[in-house]
Amino acid sequence: MTRSTETRREEYLPCLYCGQRYGPDDVALHTEPVHCGRCITCVDKPACFDCRLMYCVCDVHQYRG
Protein backbone atom coordinates (compact mmCIF):
# COMPACT_ATOMS: atom_id res chain seq x y z
CA MET A 1 0.00 0.00 0.00
CA THR A 2 1.44 3.34 -0.97
CA ARG A 3 1.41 6.48 1.10
CA SER A 4 -1.15 8.17 -1.20
CA THR A 5 -3.55 5.25 -0.71
CA GLU A 6 -3.25 5.56 3.08
CA THR A 7 -3.88 9.31 2.89
CA ARG A 8 -7.00 8.82 0.75
CA ARG A 9 -8.38 6.20 3.14
CA GLU A 10 -7.91 8.57 6.11
CA GLU A 11 -9.79 11.35 4.29
CA TYR A 12 -12.95 9.23 4.08
CA LEU A 13 -14.09 8.87 7.66
CA PRO A 14 -16.91 6.50 8.62
CA CYS A 15 -20.15 8.23 9.58
CA LEU A 16 -21.29 7.80 13.18
CA TYR A 17 -24.93 7.47 12.11
CA CYS A 18 -24.97 5.34 8.95
CA GLY A 19 -21.48 3.78 8.86
CA GLN A 20 -20.70 4.84 5.28
CA ARG A 21 -17.38 6.45 4.53
CA TYR A 22 -17.67 10.01 3.27
CA GLY A 23 -15.37 12.59 1.78
CA PRO A 24 -15.35 16.37 1.59
CA ASP A 25 -18.27 16.44 -0.87
CA ASP A 26 -20.66 14.67 1.52
CA VAL A 27 -19.80 16.36 4.81
CA ALA A 28 -23.15 18.18 5.07
CA LEU A 29 -25.17 14.99 4.51
CA HIS A 30 -23.39 13.22 7.38
CA THR A 31 -22.73 16.03 9.89
CA GLU A 32 -25.31 18.84 9.62
CA PRO A 33 -28.40 18.25 11.77
CA VAL A 34 -31.83 18.27 10.16
CA HIS A 35 -34.33 20.07 12.36
CA CYS A 36 -37.32 17.85 11.67
CA GLY A 37 -38.68 18.23 15.19
CA ARG A 38 -41.40 15.63 14.80
CA CYS A 39 -39.84 12.39 16.01
CA ILE A 40 -38.04 12.08 19.35
CA THR A 41 -35.63 9.48 17.95
CA CYS A 42 -34.29 11.34 14.93
CA VAL A 43 -34.62 15.01 15.92
CA ASP A 44 -31.45 16.96 15.01
CA LYS A 45 -29.75 13.96 13.36
CA PRO A 46 -28.07 14.33 9.93
CA ALA A 47 -29.96 13.50 6.74
CA CYS A 48 -28.14 10.16 6.35
CA PHE A 49 -29.66 8.89 9.63
CA ASP A 50 -32.22 6.14 9.08
CA CYS A 51 -34.83 6.24 11.84
CA ARG A 52 -35.82 2.77 13.01
CA LEU A 53 -38.95 3.94 14.80
CA MET A 54 -41.88 2.35 12.97
CA TYR A 55 -44.16 5.33 13.56
CA CYS A 56 -41.67 8.02 12.51
CA VAL A 57 -43.46 10.83 10.66
CA CYS A 58 -40.37 12.82 9.67
CA ASP A 59 -40.06 13.23 5.88
CA VAL A 60 -36.26 13.07 5.91
CA HIS A 61 -35.63 10.20 8.32
CA GLN A 62 -38.83 8.19 7.76
CA TYR A 63 -38.77 4.49 8.60
CA ARG A 64 -38.07 2.47 5.44
CA GLY A 65 -38.27 -1.04 6.82
PDB file of N, CA and C in Angstrom:
ATOM      1  N   MET A   1       0.835  -1.162   0.000  1.00  0.00           N
ATOM      2  CA  MET A   1       0.000   0.000   0.000  1.00  0.00           C
ATOM      3  C   MET A   1       0.888   1.235   0.000  1.00  0.00           C
ATOM      4  N   THR A   2       0.624   2.148  -0.877  1.00  0.00           N
ATOM      5  CA  THR A   2       1.441   3.342  -0.974  1.00  0.00           C
ATOM      6  C   THR A   2       0.955   4.392   0.004  1.00  0.00           C
ATOM      7  N   ARG A   3       1.750   5.398   0.172  1.00  0.00           N
ATOM      8  CA  ARG A   3       1.412   6.479   1.096  1.00  0.00           C
ATOM      9  C   ARG A   3       0.176   7.237   0.627  1.00  0.00           C
ATOM     10  N   SER A   4       0.018   7.444  -0.679  1.00  0.00           N
ATOM     11  CA  SER A   4      -1.149   8.166  -1.196  1.00  0.00           C
ATOM     12  C   SER A   4      -2.444   7.391  -0.941  1.00  0.00           C
ATOM     13  N   THR A   5      -2.381   6.074  -0.992  1.00  0.00           N
ATOM     14  CA  THR A   5      -3.554   5.248  -0.709  1.00  0.00           C
ATOM     15  C   THR A   5      -3.956   5.386   0.755  1.00  0.00           C
ATOM     16  N   GLU A   6      -2.970   5.387   1.653  1.00  0.00           N
ATOM     17  CA  GLU A   6      -3.248   5.557   3.078  1.00  0.00           C
ATOM     18  C   GLU A   6      -3.864   6.920   3.356  1.00  0.00           C
ATOM     19  N   THR A   7      -3.361   7.956   2.707  1.00  0.00           N
ATOM     20  CA  THR A   7      -3.882   9.307   2.890  1.00  0.00           C
ATOM     21  C   THR A   7      -5.323   9.385   2.416  1.00  0.00           C
ATOM     22  N   ARG A   8      -5.626   8.805   1.275  1.00  0.00           N
ATOM     23  CA  ARG A   8      -6.998   8.816   0.755  1.00  0.00           C
ATOM     24  C   ARG A   8      -7.955   8.091   1.695  1.00  0.00           C
ATOM     25  N   ARG A   9      -7.536   6.987   2.242  1.00  0.00           N
ATOM     26  CA  ARG A   9      -8.383   6.198   3.136  1.00  0.00           C
ATOM     27  C   ARG A   9      -8.690   6.997   4.409  1.00  0.00           C
ATOM     28  N   GLU A  10      -7.720   7.764   4.913  1.00  0.00           N
ATOM     29  CA  GLU A  10      -7.913   8.572   6.108  1.00  0.00           C
ATOM     30  C   GLU A  10      -8.872   9.725   5.850  1.00  0.00           C
ATOM     31  N   GLU A  11      -8.922  10.241   4.619  1.00  0.00           N
ATOM     32  CA  GLU A  11      -9.794  11.351   4.286  1.00  0.00           C
ATOM     33  C   GLU A  11     -11.265  10.947   4.360  1.00  0.00           C
ATOM     34  N   TYR A  12     -11.567   9.709   4.083  1.00  0.00           N
ATOM     35  CA  TYR A  12     -12.948   9.229   4.082  1.00  0.00           C
ATOM     36  C   TYR A  12     -13.264   8.568   5.417  1.00  0.00           C
ATOM     37  N   LEU A  13     -13.776   9.358   6.330  1.00  0.00           N
ATOM     38  CA  LEU A  13     -14.092   8.867   7.660  1.00  0.00           C
ATOM     39  C   LEU A  13     -15.435   8.155   7.675  1.00  0.00           C
ATOM     40  N   PRO A  14     -15.602   7.159   8.531  1.00  0.00           N
ATOM     41  CA  PRO A  14     -16.910   6.504   8.622  1.00  0.00           C
ATOM     42  C   PRO A  14     -17.887   7.391   9.395  1.00  0.00           C
ATOM     43  N   CYS A  15     -19.100   7.431   8.947  1.00  0.00           N
ATOM     44  CA  CYS A  15     -20.145   8.231   9.580  1.00  0.00           C
ATOM     45  C   CYS A  15     -20.598   7.554  10.872  1.00  0.00           C
ATOM     46  N   LEU A  16     -20.843   8.337  11.896  1.00  0.00           N
ATOM     47  CA  LEU A  16     -21.295   7.799  13.175  1.00  0.00           C
ATOM     48  C   LEU A  16     -22.735   7.312  13.122  1.00  0.00           C
ATOM     49  N   TYR A  17     -23.507   7.798  12.163  1.00  0.00           N
ATOM     50  CA  TYR A  17     -24.929   7.475  12.106  1.00  0.00           C
ATOM     51  C   TYR A  17     -25.282   6.381  11.109  1.00  0.00           C
ATOM     52  N   CYS A  18     -24.608   6.346   9.960  1.00  0.00           N
ATOM     53  CA  CYS A  18     -24.969   5.343   8.952  1.00  0.00           C
ATOM     54  C   CYS A  18     -23.830   4.363   8.642  1.00  0.00           C
ATOM     55  N   GLY A  19     -22.610   4.680   9.053  1.00  0.00           N
ATOM     56  CA  GLY A  19     -21.480   3.783   8.860  1.00  0.00           C
ATOM     57  C   GLY A  19     -20.771   3.910   7.521  1.00  0.00           C
ATOM     58  N   GLN A  20     -21.338   4.674   6.583  1.00  0.00           N
ATOM     59  CA  GLN A  20     -20.699   4.842   5.276  1.00  0.00           C
ATOM     60  C   GLN A  20     -19.515   5.788   5.394  1.00  0.00           C
ATOM     61  N   ARG A  21     -18.517   5.544   4.581  1.00  0.00           N
ATOM     62  CA  ARG A  21     -17.377   6.452   4.528  1.00  0.00           C
ATOM     63  C   ARG A  21     -17.743   7.631   3.639  1.00  0.00           C
ATOM     64  N   TYR A  22     -17.352   8.826   4.062  1.00  0.00           N
ATOM     65  CA  TYR A  22     -17.672  10.011   3.274  1.00  0.00           C
ATOM     66  C   TYR A  22     -16.475  10.933   3.152  1.00  0.00           C
ATOM     67  N   GLY A  23     -16.449  11.663   2.048  1.00  0.00           N
ATOM     68  CA  GLY A  23     -15.368  12.588   1.775  1.00  0.00           C
ATOM     69  C   GLY A  23     -15.841  14.024   1.912  1.00  0.00           C
ATOM     70  N   PRO A  24     -15.037  14.950   1.452  1.00  0.00           N
ATOM     71  CA  PRO A  24     -15.352  16.368   1.588  1.00  0.00           C
ATOM     72  C   PRO A  24     -16.652  16.791   0.897  1.00  0.00           C
ATOM     73  N   ASP A  25     -17.051  16.077  -0.140  1.00  0.00           N
ATOM     74  CA  ASP A  25     -18.266  16.445  -0.865  1.00  0.00           C
ATOM     75  C   ASP A  25     -19.546  16.107  -0.094  1.00  0.00           C
ATOM     76  N   ASP A  26     -19.478  15.135   0.809  1.00  0.00           N
ATOM     77  CA  ASP A  26     -20.665  14.666   1.519  1.00  0.00           C
ATOM     78  C   ASP A  26     -20.691  15.040   2.997  1.00  0.00           C
ATOM     79  N   VAL A  27     -19.882  15.994   3.398  1.00  0.00           N
ATOM     80  CA  VAL A  27     -19.799  16.361   4.811  1.00  0.00           C
ATOM     81  C   VAL A  27     -21.155  16.824   5.345  1.00  0.00           C
ATOM     82  N   ALA A  28     -21.861  17.647   4.608  1.00  0.00           N
ATOM     83  CA  ALA A  28     -23.145  18.180   5.068  1.00  0.00           C
ATOM     84  C   ALA A  28     -24.168  17.064   5.287  1.00  0.00           C
ATOM     85  N   LEU A  29     -24.214  16.097   4.401  1.00  0.00           N
ATOM     86  CA  LEU A  29     -25.167  14.991   4.512  1.00  0.00           C
ATOM     87  C   LEU A  29     -24.964  14.184   5.800  1.00  0.00           C
ATOM     88  N   HIS A  30     -23.717  14.074   6.241  1.00  0.00           N
ATOM     89  CA  HIS A  30     -23.391  13.223   7.377  1.00  0.00           C
ATOM     90  C   HIS A  30     -23.139  13.972   8.686  1.00  0.00           C
ATOM     91  N   THR A  31     -23.055  15.300   8.657  1.00  0.00           N
ATOM     92  CA  THR A  31     -22.729  16.033   9.892  1.00  0.00           C
ATOM     93  C   THR A  31     -23.730  17.121  10.268  1.00  0.00           C
ATOM     94  N   GLU A  32     -24.401  17.737   9.304  1.00  0.00           N
ATOM     95  CA  GLU A  32     -25.308  18.837   9.623  1.00  0.00           C
ATOM     96  C   GLU A  32     -26.664  18.307  10.089  1.00  0.00           C
ATOM     97  N   PRO A  33     -27.117  18.748  11.261  1.00  0.00           N
ATOM     98  CA  PRO A  33     -28.395  18.247  11.772  1.00  0.00           C
ATOM     99  C   PRO A  33     -29.586  18.756  10.963  1.00  0.00           C
ATOM    100  N   VAL A  34     -30.582  17.898  10.807  1.00  0.00           N
ATOM    101  CA  VAL A  34     -31.832  18.272  10.158  1.00  0.00           C
ATOM    102  C   VAL A  34     -32.836  18.524  11.275  1.00  0.00           C
ATOM    103  N   HIS A  35     -33.403  19.700  11.292  1.00  0.00           N
ATOM    104  CA  HIS A  35     -34.331  20.072  12.356  1.00  0.00           C
ATOM    105  C   HIS A  35     -35.749  19.661  11.982  1.00  0.00           C
ATOM    106  N   CYS A  36     -35.995  18.361  12.044  1.00  0.00           N
ATOM    107  CA  CYS A  36     -37.316  17.848  11.671  1.00  0.00           C
ATOM    108  C   CYS A  36     -38.318  18.082  12.797  1.00  0.00           C
ATOM    109  N   GLY A  37     -37.885  17.905  14.038  1.00  0.00           N
ATOM    110  CA  GLY A  37     -38.678  18.234  15.194  1.00  0.00           C
ATOM    111  C   GLY A  37     -39.932  17.408  15.436  1.00  0.00           C
ATOM    112  N   ARG A  38     -40.175  16.392  14.650  1.00  0.00           N
ATOM    113  CA  ARG A  38     -41.397  15.626  14.800  1.00  0.00           C
ATOM    114  C   ARG A  38     -41.205  14.328  15.560  1.00  0.00           C
ATOM    115  N   CYS A  39     -40.081  13.709  15.424  1.00  0.00           N
ATOM    116  CA  CYS A  39     -39.839  12.394  16.014  1.00  0.00           C
ATOM    117  C   CYS A  39     -38.757  12.525  17.086  1.00  0.00           C
ATOM    118  N   ILE A  40     -39.004  11.957  18.259  1.00  0.00           N
ATOM    119  CA  ILE A  40     -38.038  12.085  19.353  1.00  0.00           C
ATOM    120  C   ILE A  40     -36.761  11.285  19.107  1.00  0.00           C
ATOM    121  N   THR A  41     -36.806  10.310  18.231  1.00  0.00           N
ATOM    122  CA  THR A  41     -35.633   9.483  17.954  1.00  0.00           C
ATOM    123  C   THR A  41     -34.663  10.158  16.990  1.00  0.00           C
ATOM    124  N   CYS A  42     -35.179  10.818  15.974  1.00  0.00           N
ATOM    125  CA  CYS A  42     -34.292  11.345  14.930  1.00  0.00           C
ATOM    126  C   CYS A  42     -34.170  12.869  14.922  1.00  0.00           C
ATOM    127  N   VAL A  43     -34.715  13.559  15.890  1.00  0.00           N
ATOM    128  CA  VAL A  43     -34.619  15.013  15.924  1.00  0.00           C
ATOM    129  C   VAL A  43     -33.143  15.451  15.971  1.00  0.00           C
ATOM    130  N   ASP A  44     -32.803  16.388  15.124  1.00  0.00           N
ATOM    131  CA  ASP A  44     -31.449  16.964  15.014  1.00  0.00           C
ATOM    132  C   ASP A  44     -30.363  15.974  14.589  1.00  0.00           C
ATOM    133  N   LYS A  45     -30.731  14.887  13.934  1.00  0.00           N
ATOM    134  CA  LYS A  45     -29.747  13.958  13.364  1.00  0.00           C
ATOM    135  C   LYS A  45     -29.493  14.372  11.912  1.00  0.00           C
ATOM    136  N   PRO A  46     -28.348  14.002  11.336  1.00  0.00           N
ATOM    137  CA  PRO A  46     -28.067  14.325   9.933  1.00  0.00           C
ATOM    138  C   PRO A  46     -29.023  13.608   8.977  1.00  0.00           C
ATOM    139  N   ALA A  47     -29.053  14.052   7.744  1.00  0.00           N
ATOM    140  CA  ALA A  47     -29.965  13.499   6.738  1.00  0.00           C
ATOM    141  C   ALA A  47     -29.683  12.037   6.424  1.00  0.00           C
ATOM    142  N   CYS A  48     -28.476  11.554   6.642  1.00  0.00           N
ATOM    143  CA  CYS A  48     -28.144  10.158   6.353  1.00  0.00           C
ATOM    144  C   CYS A  48     -28.715   9.200   7.397  1.00  0.00           C
ATOM    145  N   PHE A  49     -29.126   9.722   8.544  1.00  0.00           N
ATOM    146  CA  PHE A  49     -29.657   8.886   9.632  1.00  0.00           C
ATOM    147  C   PHE A  49     -30.937   8.201   9.188  1.00  0.00           C
ATOM    148  N   ASP A  50     -31.033   6.908   9.434  1.00  0.00           N
ATOM    149  CA  ASP A  50     -32.224   6.137   9.079  1.00  0.00           C
ATOM    150  C   ASP A  50     -32.952   5.783  10.366  1.00  0.00           C
ATOM    151  N   CYS A  51     -34.066   6.452  10.615  1.00  0.00           N
ATOM    152  CA  CYS A  51     -34.829   6.235  11.840  1.00  0.00           C
ATOM    153  C   CYS A  51     -35.428   4.834  11.819  1.00  0.00           C
ATOM    154  N   ARG A  52     -35.294   4.131  12.911  1.00  0.00           N
ATOM    155  CA  ARG A  52     -35.821   2.771  13.005  1.00  0.00           C
ATOM    156  C   ARG A  52     -37.133   2.719  13.792  1.00  0.00           C
ATOM    157  N   LEU A  53     -37.677   3.878  14.109  1.00  0.00           N
ATOM    158  CA  LEU A  53     -38.950   3.937  14.802  1.00  0.00           C
ATOM    159  C   LEU A  53     -40.067   3.742  13.789  1.00  0.00           C
ATOM    160  N   MET A  54     -40.851   2.714  13.952  1.00  0.00           N
ATOM    161  CA  MET A  54     -41.877   2.346  12.974  1.00  0.00           C
ATOM    162  C   MET A  54     -42.876   3.470  12.711  1.00  0.00           C
ATOM    163  N   TYR A  55     -43.152   4.278  13.700  1.00  0.00           N
ATOM    164  CA  TYR A  55     -44.160   5.326  13.558  1.00  0.00           C
ATOM    165  C   TYR A  55     -43.550   6.703  13.303  1.00  0.00           C
ATOM    166  N   CYS A  56     -42.332   6.746  12.810  1.00  0.00           N
ATOM    167  CA  CYS A  56     -41.669   8.016  12.508  1.00  0.00           C
ATOM    168  C   CYS A  56     -42.440   8.751  11.414  1.00  0.00           C
ATOM    169  N   VAL A  57     -42.709  10.038  11.635  1.00  0.00           N
ATOM    170  CA  VAL A  57     -43.458  10.833  10.662  1.00  0.00           C
ATOM    171  C   VAL A  57     -42.581  11.878   9.980  1.00  0.00           C
ATOM    172  N   CYS A  58     -41.298  11.866  10.265  1.00  0.00           N
ATOM    173  CA  CYS A  58     -40.371  12.824   9.671  1.00  0.00           C
ATOM    174  C   CYS A  58     -40.143  12.475   8.198  1.00  0.00           C
ATOM    175  N   ASP A  59     -40.238  13.455   7.316  1.00  0.00           N
ATOM    176  CA  ASP A  59     -40.065  13.232   5.879  1.00  0.00           C
ATOM    177  C   ASP A  59     -38.636  12.832   5.508  1.00  0.00           C
ATOM    178  N   VAL A  60     -37.664  13.334   6.242  1.00  0.00           N
ATOM    179  CA  VAL A  60     -36.263  13.073   5.909  1.00  0.00           C
ATOM    180  C   VAL A  60     -35.809  11.707   6.431  1.00  0.00           C
ATOM    181  N   HIS A  61     -36.143  11.392   7.657  1.00  0.00           N
ATOM    182  CA  HIS A  61     -35.634  10.196   8.321  1.00  0.00           C
ATOM    183  C   HIS A  61     -36.636   9.044   8.356  1.00  0.00           C
ATOM    184  N   GLN A  62     -37.707   9.130   7.655  1.00  0.00           N
ATOM    185  CA  GLN A  62     -38.826   8.189   7.758  1.00  0.00           C
ATOM    186  C   GLN A  62     -38.403   6.725   7.707  1.00  0.00           C
ATOM    187  N   TYR A  63     -39.046   5.933   8.522  1.00  0.00           N
ATOM    188  CA  TYR A  63     -38.775   4.489   8.601  1.00  0.00           C
ATOM    189  C   TYR A  63     -38.992   3.843   7.231  1.00  0.00           C
ATOM    190  N   ARG A  64     -37.994   3.083   6.766  1.00  0.00           N
ATOM    191  CA  ARG A  64     -38.071   2.474   5.437  1.00  0.00           C
ATOM    192  C   ARG A  64     -37.980   0.961   5.529  1.00  0.00           C
ATOM    193  N   GLY A  65     -38.425   0.398   6.597  1.00  0.00           N
ATOM    194  CA  GLY A  65     -38.272  -1.036   6.818  1.00  0.00           C
ATOM    195  C   GLY A  65     -39.415  -1.784   6.359  1.00  0.00           C
TER     196      GLY A  65
END
